[in-house]
PDB file of all heavy atoms in Angstrom:
ATOM      1  N   TYR A   1       0.781 -12.865   0.286  1.00  0.00           N
ATOM      2  CA  TYR A   1       1.660 -11.648   0.126  1.00  0.00           C
ATOM      3  C   TYR A   1       2.525 -11.427   1.301  1.00  0.00           C
ATOM      4  O   TYR A   1       2.175 -11.832   2.501  1.00  0.00           O
ATOM      5  CB  TYR A   1       0.896 -10.383  -0.173  1.00  0.00           C
ATOM      6  CG  TYR A   1       0.153 -10.406  -1.523  1.00  0.00           C
ATOM      7  CD1 TYR A   1      -1.145 -10.969  -1.676  1.00  0.00           C
ATOM      8  CD2 TYR A   1       0.788  -9.899  -2.664  1.00  0.00           C
ATOM      9  CE1 TYR A   1      -1.767 -11.011  -2.920  1.00  0.00           C
ATOM     10  CE2 TYR A   1       0.180  -9.889  -3.945  1.00  0.00           C
ATOM     11  CZ  TYR A   1      -1.061 -10.498  -3.999  1.00  0.00           C
ATOM     12  OH  TYR A   1      -1.718 -10.577  -5.228  1.00  0.00           O
ATOM     13  N   ASN A   2       3.616 -10.689   1.118  1.00  0.00           N
ATOM     14  CA  ASN A   2       4.559 -10.456   2.188  1.00  0.00           C
ATOM     15  C   ASN A   2       3.906  -9.383   3.171  1.00  0.00           C
ATOM     16  O   ASN A   2       3.504  -8.291   2.779  1.00  0.00           O
ATOM     17  CB  ASN A   2       5.821  -9.806   1.640  1.00  0.00           C
ATOM     18  CG  ASN A   2       6.903  -9.735   2.705  1.00  0.00           C
ATOM     19  OD1 ASN A   2       6.675  -9.545   3.911  1.00  0.00           O
ATOM     20  ND2 ASN A   2       8.163  -9.841   2.284  1.00  0.00           N
ATOM     21  N   PRO A   3       3.818  -9.688   4.472  1.00  0.00           N
ATOM     22  CA  PRO A   3       3.220  -8.711   5.427  1.00  0.00           C
ATOM     23  C   PRO A   3       3.847  -7.335   5.374  1.00  0.00           C
ATOM     24  O   PRO A   3       3.227  -6.294   5.519  1.00  0.00           O
ATOM     25  CB  PRO A   3       3.403  -9.387   6.724  1.00  0.00           C
ATOM     26  CG  PRO A   3       3.572 -10.846   6.460  1.00  0.00           C
ATOM     27  CD  PRO A   3       4.220 -10.947   5.084  1.00  0.00           C
ATOM     28  N   LEU A   4       5.253  -7.275   5.126  1.00  0.00           N
ATOM     29  CA  LEU A   4       5.924  -6.012   5.037  1.00  0.00           C
ATOM     30  C   LEU A   4       5.493  -5.207   3.825  1.00  0.00           C
ATOM     31  O   LEU A   4       5.349  -3.953   3.921  1.00  0.00           O
ATOM     32  CB  LEU A   4       7.401  -6.234   4.988  1.00  0.00           C
ATOM     33  CG  LEU A   4       8.027  -6.891   6.186  1.00  0.00           C
ATOM     34  CD1 LEU A   4       9.547  -7.089   6.012  1.00  0.00           C
ATOM     35  CD2 LEU A   4       7.769  -6.061   7.511  1.00  0.00           C
ATOM     36  N   ASP A   5       5.181  -5.937   2.671  1.00  0.00           N
ATOM     37  CA  ASP A   5       4.658  -5.198   1.463  1.00  0.00           C
ATOM     38  C   ASP A   5       3.276  -4.525   1.814  1.00  0.00           C
ATOM     39  O   ASP A   5       2.969  -3.493   1.401  1.00  0.00           O
ATOM     40  CB  ASP A   5       4.590  -6.133   0.314  1.00  0.00           C
ATOM     41  CG  ASP A   5       6.023  -6.554  -0.162  1.00  0.00           C
ATOM     42  OD1 ASP A   5       6.952  -5.734   0.060  1.00  0.00           O
ATOM     43  OD2 ASP A   5       6.094  -7.503  -0.853  1.00  0.00           O
ATOM     44  N   ILE A   6       2.473  -5.384   2.571  1.00  0.00           N
ATOM     45  CA  ILE A   6       1.105  -4.881   2.901  1.00  0.00           C
ATOM     46  C   ILE A   6       1.125  -3.632   3.759  1.00  0.00           C
ATOM     47  O   ILE A   6       0.456  -2.719   3.544  1.00  0.00           O
ATOM     48  CB  ILE A   6       0.269  -6.019   3.520  1.00  0.00           C
ATOM     49  CG1 ILE A   6       0.082  -7.179   2.468  1.00  0.00           C
ATOM     50  CG2 ILE A   6      -1.092  -5.479   3.937  1.00  0.00           C
ATOM     51  CD1 ILE A   6      -0.480  -8.415   3.036  1.00  0.00           C
ATOM     52  N   VAL A   7       2.111  -3.727   4.751  1.00  0.00           N
ATOM     53  CA  VAL A   7       2.249  -2.603   5.593  1.00  0.00           C
ATOM     54  C   VAL A   7       2.680  -1.332   4.868  1.00  0.00           C
ATOM     55  O   VAL A   7       2.165  -0.258   5.070  1.00  0.00           O
ATOM     56  CB  VAL A   7       3.348  -2.910   6.714  1.00  0.00           C
ATOM     57  CG1 VAL A   7       3.799  -1.630   7.434  1.00  0.00           C
ATOM     58  CG2 VAL A   7       2.864  -3.993   7.671  1.00  0.00           C
ATOM     59  N   LYS A   8       3.574  -1.487   3.846  1.00  0.00           N
ATOM     60  CA  LYS A   8       3.925  -0.266   2.964  1.00  0.00           C
ATOM     61  C   LYS A   8       2.737   0.220   2.263  1.00  0.00           C
ATOM     62  O   LYS A   8       2.644   1.400   2.077  1.00  0.00           O
ATOM     63  CB  LYS A   8       5.049  -0.781   2.043  1.00  0.00           C
ATOM     64  CG  LYS A   8       6.389  -1.101   2.668  1.00  0.00           C
ATOM     65  CD  LYS A   8       7.381  -1.474   1.709  1.00  0.00           C
ATOM     66  CE  LYS A   8       8.761  -1.876   2.271  1.00  0.00           C
ATOM     67  NZ  LYS A   8       9.765  -2.437   1.377  1.00  0.00           N
ATOM     68  N   CYS A   9       1.919  -0.799   1.782  1.00  0.00           N
ATOM     69  CA  CYS A   9       0.710  -0.240   1.014  1.00  0.00           C
ATOM     70  C   CYS A   9      -0.279   0.485   1.868  1.00  0.00           C
ATOM     71  O   CYS A   9      -0.819   1.549   1.470  1.00  0.00           O
ATOM     72  CB  CYS A   9       0.012  -1.493   0.389  1.00  0.00           C
ATOM     73  SG  CYS A   9       0.932  -2.210  -0.946  1.00  0.00           S
ATOM     74  N   VAL A  10      -0.413   0.035   3.170  1.00  0.00           N
ATOM     75  CA  VAL A  10      -1.253   0.767   4.039  1.00  0.00           C
ATOM     76  C   VAL A  10      -0.743   2.126   4.418  1.00  0.00           C
ATOM     77  O   VAL A  10      -1.516   3.156   4.457  1.00  0.00           O
ATOM     78  CB  VAL A  10      -1.482  -0.068   5.325  1.00  0.00           C
ATOM     79  CG1 VAL A  10      -2.235   0.771   6.440  1.00  0.00           C
ATOM     80  CG2 VAL A  10      -2.209  -1.401   5.123  1.00  0.00           C
ATOM     81  N   LYS A  11       0.532   2.263   4.518  1.00  0.00           N
ATOM     82  CA  LYS A  11       1.160   3.555   4.777  1.00  0.00           C
ATOM     83  C   LYS A  11       0.964   4.463   3.611  1.00  0.00           C
ATOM     84  O   LYS A  11       0.762   5.712   3.776  1.00  0.00           O
ATOM     85  CB  LYS A  11       2.696   3.395   5.190  1.00  0.00           C
ATOM     86  CG  LYS A  11       2.893   2.766   6.524  1.00  0.00           C
ATOM     87  CD  LYS A  11       4.428   2.691   6.776  1.00  0.00           C
ATOM     88  CE  LYS A  11       4.706   2.044   8.172  1.00  0.00           C
ATOM     89  NZ  LYS A  11       6.055   1.972   8.475  1.00  0.00           N
ATOM     90  N   MET A  12       1.104   3.944   2.435  1.00  0.00           N
ATOM     91  CA  MET A  12       0.821   4.752   1.196  1.00  0.00           C
ATOM     92  C   MET A  12      -0.591   5.122   1.154  1.00  0.00           C
ATOM     93  O   MET A  12      -0.851   6.359   0.745  1.00  0.00           O
ATOM     94  CB  MET A  12       1.110   3.852  -0.091  1.00  0.00           C
ATOM     95  CG  MET A  12       2.629   3.642  -0.373  1.00  0.00           C
ATOM     96  SD  MET A  12       2.836   2.324  -1.612  1.00  0.00           S
ATOM     97  CE  MET A  12       1.876   2.991  -2.899  1.00  0.00           C
ATOM     98  N   TRP A  13      -1.515   4.262   1.524  1.00  0.00           N
ATOM     99  CA  TRP A  13      -2.957   4.716   1.561  1.00  0.00           C
ATOM    100  C   TRP A  13      -3.213   5.868   2.546  1.00  0.00           C
ATOM    101  O   TRP A  13      -3.995   6.788   2.250  1.00  0.00           O
ATOM    102  CB  TRP A  13      -3.777   3.512   1.947  1.00  0.00           C
ATOM    103  CG  TRP A  13      -5.259   3.696   1.816  1.00  0.00           C
ATOM    104  CD1 TRP A  13      -6.066   3.438   0.667  1.00  0.00           C
ATOM    105  CD2 TRP A  13      -6.090   4.224   2.796  1.00  0.00           C
ATOM    106  NE1 TRP A  13      -7.363   3.743   0.979  1.00  0.00           N
ATOM    107  CE2 TRP A  13      -7.369   4.264   2.244  1.00  0.00           C
ATOM    108  CE3 TRP A  13      -5.951   4.641   4.113  1.00  0.00           C
ATOM    109  CZ2 TRP A  13      -8.529   4.678   2.994  1.00  0.00           C
ATOM    110  CZ3 TRP A  13      -7.081   5.116   4.756  1.00  0.00           C
ATOM    111  CH2 TRP A  13      -8.288   5.177   4.176  1.00  0.00           C
ATOM    112  N   LEU A  14      -2.526   5.765   3.747  1.00  0.00           N
ATOM    113  CA  LEU A  14      -2.783   6.762   4.712  1.00  0.00           C
ATOM    114  C   LEU A  14      -2.188   8.156   4.278  1.00  0.00           C
ATOM    115  O   LEU A  14      -2.784   9.156   4.694  1.00  0.00           O
ATOM    116  CB  LEU A  14      -2.057   6.393   6.065  1.00  0.00           C
ATOM    117  CG  LEU A  14      -2.690   5.295   6.771  1.00  0.00           C
ATOM    118  CD1 LEU A  14      -1.739   4.738   7.945  1.00  0.00           C
ATOM    119  CD2 LEU A  14      -4.081   5.695   7.303  1.00  0.00           C
ATOM    120  N   LYS A  15      -1.128   8.115   3.420  1.00  0.00           N
ATOM    121  CA  LYS A  15      -0.574   9.440   2.933  1.00  0.00           C
ATOM    122  C   LYS A  15      -1.439   9.995   1.802  1.00  0.00           C
ATOM    123  O   LYS A  15      -1.629  11.176   1.680  1.00  0.00           O
ATOM    124  CB  LYS A  15       0.868   9.053   2.332  1.00  0.00           C
ATOM    125  CG  LYS A  15       1.806   8.937   3.442  1.00  0.00           C
ATOM    126  CD  LYS A  15       3.181   8.722   2.871  1.00  0.00           C
ATOM    127  CE  LYS A  15       4.311   8.545   3.955  1.00  0.00           C
ATOM    128  NZ  LYS A  15       5.673   8.347   3.393  1.00  0.00           N
ATOM    129  N   ASP A  16      -1.951   9.125   0.977  1.00  0.00           N
ATOM    130  CA  ASP A  16      -2.785   9.654  -0.213  1.00  0.00           C
ATOM    131  C   ASP A  16      -3.686   8.503  -0.703  1.00  0.00           C
ATOM    132  O   ASP A  16      -3.136   7.545  -1.318  1.00  0.00           O
ATOM    133  CB  ASP A  16      -1.898  10.194  -1.300  1.00  0.00           C
ATOM    134  CG  ASP A  16      -2.735  10.735  -2.473  1.00  0.00           C
ATOM    135  OD1 ASP A  16      -3.964  10.975  -2.247  1.00  0.00           O
ATOM    136  OD2 ASP A  16      -2.198  10.978  -3.512  1.00  0.00           O
ATOM    137  N   ASN A  17      -4.966   8.540  -0.446  1.00  0.00           N
ATOM    138  CA  ASN A  17      -5.759   7.431  -0.883  1.00  0.00           C
ATOM    139  C   ASN A  17      -6.789   7.857  -1.994  1.00  0.00           C
ATOM    140  O   ASN A  17      -7.676   7.224  -2.351  1.00  0.00           O
ATOM    141  CB  ASN A  17      -6.614   6.829   0.245  1.00  0.00           C
ATOM    142  CG  ASN A  17      -7.400   8.014   0.971  1.00  0.00           C
ATOM    143  OD1 ASN A  17      -7.950   8.868   0.396  1.00  0.00           O
ATOM    144  ND2 ASN A  17      -7.467   7.825   2.274  1.00  0.00           N
ATOM    145  N   SER A  18      -6.465   9.053  -2.557  1.00  0.00           N
ATOM    146  CA  SER A  18      -7.314   9.649  -3.609  1.00  0.00           C
ATOM    147  C   SER A  18      -7.304   8.788  -4.941  1.00  0.00           C
ATOM    148  O   SER A  18      -8.392   8.593  -5.596  1.00  0.00           O
ATOM    149  CB  SER A  18      -6.898  11.031  -3.956  1.00  0.00           C
ATOM    150  OG  SER A  18      -5.574  11.081  -4.348  1.00  0.00           O
ATOM    151  N   ASP A  19      -6.185   8.277  -5.243  1.00  0.00           N
ATOM    152  CA  ASP A  19      -6.034   7.412  -6.422  1.00  0.00           C
ATOM    153  C   ASP A  19      -5.148   6.225  -6.151  1.00  0.00           C
ATOM    154  O   ASP A  19      -4.080   6.017  -6.670  1.00  0.00           O
ATOM    155  CB  ASP A  19      -5.570   8.211  -7.582  1.00  0.00           C
ATOM    156  CG  ASP A  19      -5.516   7.402  -8.882  1.00  0.00           C
ATOM    157  OD1 ASP A  19      -6.358   6.478  -9.044  1.00  0.00           O
ATOM    158  OD2 ASP A  19      -4.653   7.646  -9.853  1.00  0.00           O
ATOM    159  N   PHE A  20      -5.548   5.439  -5.072  1.00  0.00           N
ATOM    160  CA  PHE A  20      -4.655   4.425  -4.591  1.00  0.00           C
ATOM    161  C   PHE A  20      -4.537   3.185  -5.474  1.00  0.00           C
ATOM    162  O   PHE A  20      -5.520   2.787  -5.976  1.00  0.00           O
ATOM    163  CB  PHE A  20      -5.197   3.923  -3.120  1.00  0.00           C
ATOM    164  CG  PHE A  20      -4.412   2.824  -2.546  1.00  0.00           C
ATOM    165  CD1 PHE A  20      -3.115   3.130  -1.952  1.00  0.00           C
ATOM    166  CD2 PHE A  20      -4.869   1.516  -2.559  1.00  0.00           C
ATOM    167  CE1 PHE A  20      -2.430   2.062  -1.382  1.00  0.00           C
ATOM    168  CE2 PHE A  20      -4.076   0.503  -2.055  1.00  0.00           C
ATOM    169  CZ  PHE A  20      -2.853   0.788  -1.466  1.00  0.00           C
ATOM    170  N   LYS A  21      -3.196   2.866  -5.673  1.00  0.00           N
ATOM    171  CA  LYS A  21      -2.957   1.661  -6.483  1.00  0.00           C
ATOM    172  C   LYS A  21      -1.896   0.845  -5.831  1.00  0.00           C
ATOM    173  O   LYS A  21      -0.885   1.415  -5.333  1.00  0.00           O
ATOM    174  CB  LYS A  21      -2.581   1.994  -7.899  1.00  0.00           C
ATOM    175  CG  LYS A  21      -3.737   2.569  -8.700  1.00  0.00           C
ATOM    176  CD  LYS A  21      -3.168   2.894 -10.152  1.00  0.00           C
ATOM    177  CE  LYS A  21      -4.361   3.563 -10.939  1.00  0.00           C
ATOM    178  NZ  LYS A  21      -3.941   3.985 -12.283  1.00  0.00           N
ATOM    179  N   ALA A  22      -2.005  -0.439  -5.783  1.00  0.00           N
ATOM    180  CA  ALA A  22      -0.960  -1.303  -5.164  1.00  0.00           C
ATOM    181  C   ALA A  22      -0.665  -2.407  -6.086  1.00  0.00           C
ATOM    182  O   ALA A  22      -1.433  -3.144  -6.468  1.00  0.00           O
ATOM    183  CB  ALA A  22      -1.485  -1.797  -3.782  1.00  0.00           C
ATOM    184  N   ASP A  23       0.609  -2.412  -6.505  1.00  0.00           N
ATOM    185  CA  ASP A  23       1.111  -3.481  -7.384  1.00  0.00           C
ATOM    186  C   ASP A  23       2.223  -4.315  -6.726  1.00  0.00           C
ATOM    187  O   ASP A  23       3.416  -3.928  -6.821  1.00  0.00           O
ATOM    188  CB  ASP A  23       1.528  -2.862  -8.752  1.00  0.00           C
ATOM    189  CG  ASP A  23       1.863  -3.906  -9.759  1.00  0.00           C
ATOM    190  OD1 ASP A  23       1.510  -5.119  -9.548  1.00  0.00           O
ATOM    191  OD2 ASP A  23       2.666  -3.646 -10.690  1.00  0.00           O
ATOM    192  N   ILE A  24       1.867  -5.216  -5.906  1.00  0.00           N
ATOM    193  CA  ILE A  24       2.821  -5.989  -5.135  1.00  0.00           C
ATOM    194  C   ILE A  24       2.804  -7.521  -5.657  1.00  0.00           C
ATOM    195  O   ILE A  24       1.769  -7.983  -6.131  1.00  0.00           O
ATOM    196  CB  ILE A  24       2.517  -5.920  -3.654  1.00  0.00           C
ATOM    197  CG1 ILE A  24       1.113  -6.328  -3.274  1.00  0.00           C
ATOM    198  CG2 ILE A  24       2.889  -4.539  -3.173  1.00  0.00           C
ATOM    199  CD1 ILE A  24       0.890  -6.407  -1.799  1.00  0.00           C
ATOM    200  N   THR A  25       3.988  -8.080  -5.547  1.00  0.00           N
ATOM    201  CA  THR A  25       4.107  -9.436  -6.045  1.00  0.00           C
ATOM    202  C   THR A  25       3.838 -10.459  -4.975  1.00  0.00           C
ATOM    203  O   THR A  25       4.203 -10.256  -3.826  1.00  0.00           O
ATOM    204  CB  THR A  25       5.588  -9.657  -6.543  1.00  0.00           C
ATOM    205  OG1 THR A  25       5.896  -8.673  -7.563  1.00  0.00           O
ATOM    206  CG2 THR A  25       5.785 -11.083  -7.134  1.00  0.00           C
TER     207      THR A  25
END
């Protein structure tokens, strides 16, 4: 996976991890 996509997912998790979902290509 693209490291930049993973970084975005981690930032999303930090903002709200109550119902975290990551759909990256």
